[in-house]
Amino acid sequence: QVQLVESGGGLVQPGGSLRLSCVGSGGIFSLYAMGWYRQAPGKQRELVARITSGRSTIYSASVKGRFTISRDNAKNTVSLQMNSLNFEDTAVYFCNAGGGRELSGPYWGQGTQVTVSS
């Protein structure tokens, strides 16, 4: 059974940085595309960034240039470095596994809260 566990969320001031991590188990993660999504209160879940097994990446326009997705296949880990955070980045961030370069897969983590507040 595939499981994804996120960590690294928290409270940060505008302009600050956070690094999210997602550790997977129960699957061959080196073969999976992985991604980060987020859901703000009252809004639909949206793509933040994805990375394929070949390390091709895509980003949403709202985070491009500020966020960086990376993966460590030896550790079954995908990370999201978030810089220059602003109020609009406040959301629950979810890890996703499977799917393709642009399409989400069937596996989701439980989410980690990121709050940007002064």
Protein backbone atom coordinates (compact mmCIF):
# COMPACT_ATOMS: atom_id res chain seq x y z
CA GLN A 1 0.00 0.00 0.00
CA VAL A 2 1.42 3.33 -1.06
CA GLN A 3 1.68 5.92 1.69
CA LEU A 4 2.86 9.52 1.51
CA VAL A 5 3.74 11.58 4.56
CA GLU A 6 4.34 15.32 4.31
CA SER A 7 6.26 17.47 6.76
CA GLY A 8 7.74 20.93 7.03
CA GLY A 9 4.67 23.12 7.10
CA GLY A 10 4.22 25.92 9.58
CA LEU A 11 3.79 29.62 10.17
CA VAL A 12 6.06 32.02 8.31
CA GLN A 13 6.15 35.77 7.73
CA PRO A 14 5.73 37.26 4.26
CA GLY A 15 9.00 37.06 2.37
CA GLY A 16 10.12 34.04 4.36
CA SER A 17 10.95 30.51 3.29
CA LEU A 18 9.85 26.98 4.09
CA ARG A 19 10.89 23.57 2.84
CA LEU A 20 8.30 20.83 2.55
CA SER A 21 9.21 17.16 2.34
CA CYS A 22 7.22 14.11 1.40
CA VAL A 23 8.40 10.59 2.12
CA GLY A 24 6.82 7.68 0.32
CA SER A 25 6.56 4.02 1.16
CA GLY A 26 4.99 0.94 -0.36
CA GLY A 27 5.86 1.69 -3.96
CA ILE A 28 8.71 2.08 -6.43
CA PHE A 29 8.87 5.84 -6.18
CA SER A 30 11.80 6.22 -8.52
CA LEU A 31 9.36 5.30 -11.32
CA TYR A 32 6.61 7.69 -10.25
CA ALA A 33 6.03 11.25 -11.24
CA MET A 34 5.57 13.23 -8.03
CA GLY A 35 3.93 16.52 -7.31
CA TRP A 36 2.79 19.13 -4.84
CA TYR A 37 -0.68 20.60 -4.79
CA ARG A 38 -2.34 23.05 -2.46
CA GLN A 39 -5.82 23.92 -1.33
CA ALA A 40 -6.74 27.22 0.27
CA PRO A 41 -9.96 27.66 2.28
CA GLY A 42 -12.95 27.84 -0.03
CA LYS A 43 -10.90 27.05 -3.12
CA GLN A 44 -10.24 24.00 -5.25
CA ARG A 45 -7.05 22.03 -4.98
CA GLU A 46 -4.51 23.33 -7.48
CA LEU A 47 -1.21 22.24 -8.92
CA VAL A 48 1.91 23.80 -7.44
CA ALA A 49 4.69 21.78 -9.08
CA ARG A 50 5.41 18.35 -10.50
CA ILE A 51 8.57 16.38 -11.24
CA THR A 52 8.83 13.29 -13.39
CA SER A 53 11.04 10.27 -12.84
CA GLY A 54 13.43 11.87 -15.31
CA ARG A 55 13.36 15.10 -13.27
CA SER A 56 11.44 17.14 -15.79
CA THR A 57 9.53 19.79 -13.86
CA ILE A 58 6.51 22.03 -14.28
CA TYR A 59 5.31 24.87 -12.06
CA SER A 60 2.18 26.89 -11.75
CA ALA A 61 2.57 30.46 -12.91
CA SER A 62 1.94 31.78 -9.40
CA VAL A 63 4.98 30.01 -7.90
CA LYS A 64 7.43 29.85 -10.81
CA GLY A 65 10.70 31.46 -9.87
CA ARG A 66 9.94 31.25 -6.13
CA PHE A 67 9.42 27.52 -5.53
CA THR A 68 11.69 24.62 -6.48
CA ILE A 69 10.66 20.97 -6.57
CA SER A 70 13.28 18.25 -6.25
CA ARG A 71 13.46 14.54 -5.53
CA ASP A 72 15.81 12.07 -3.92
CA ASN A 73 14.97 8.61 -5.23
CA ALA A 74 17.32 6.89 -2.80
CA LYS A 75 15.22 8.29 0.05
CA ASN A 76 11.82 8.08 -1.68
CA THR A 77 11.50 11.79 -1.02
CA VAL A 78 10.17 14.76 -2.94
CA SER A 79 10.77 18.26 -1.59
CA LEU A 80 9.42 21.71 -2.23
CA GLN A 81 11.62 24.69 -1.42
CA MET A 82 9.40 27.74 -1.07
CA ASN A 83 10.95 31.20 -1.07
CA SER A 84 9.51 34.71 -1.05
CA LEU A 85 6.28 33.45 0.46
CA ASN A 86 3.25 35.71 0.40
CA PHE A 87 -0.23 35.67 1.90
CA GLU A 88 -1.66 33.94 -1.19
CA ASP A 89 0.56 30.92 -0.54
CA THR A 90 -1.40 30.08 2.61
CA ALA A 91 -2.96 26.66 2.07
CA VAL A 92 -2.79 23.00 2.92
CA TYR A 93 -0.09 21.45 0.75
CA PHE A 94 -0.51 17.89 -0.48
CA CYS A 95 2.02 15.46 -1.91
CA ASN A 96 0.97 13.36 -4.90
CA ALA A 97 2.49 10.30 -6.54
CA GLY A 98 1.89 8.63 -9.86
CA GLY A 99 0.37 10.10 -12.99
CA GLY A 100 2.39 11.92 -15.61
CA ARG A 101 4.24 15.14 -16.18
CA GLU A 102 1.07 17.20 -15.95
CA LEU A 103 -1.54 14.80 -14.60
CA SER A 104 -1.88 13.88 -10.95
CA GLY A 105 -1.62 10.30 -9.81
CA PRO A 106 -3.87 8.31 -7.50
CA TYR A 107 -1.81 8.59 -4.34
CA TRP A 108 -2.12 11.50 -1.91
CA GLY A 109 -0.66 12.44 1.42
CA GLN A 110 -2.67 13.85 4.30
CA GLY A 111 -1.44 17.40 3.78
CA THR A 112 0.60 19.92 5.73
CA GLN A 113 -0.54 23.43 6.61
CA VAL A 114 1.43 26.44 5.43
CA THR A 115 0.35 29.78 6.86
CA VAL A 116 1.89 33.06 5.76
CA SER A 117 1.06 35.78 8.22
CA SER A 118 2.63 38.86 9.74
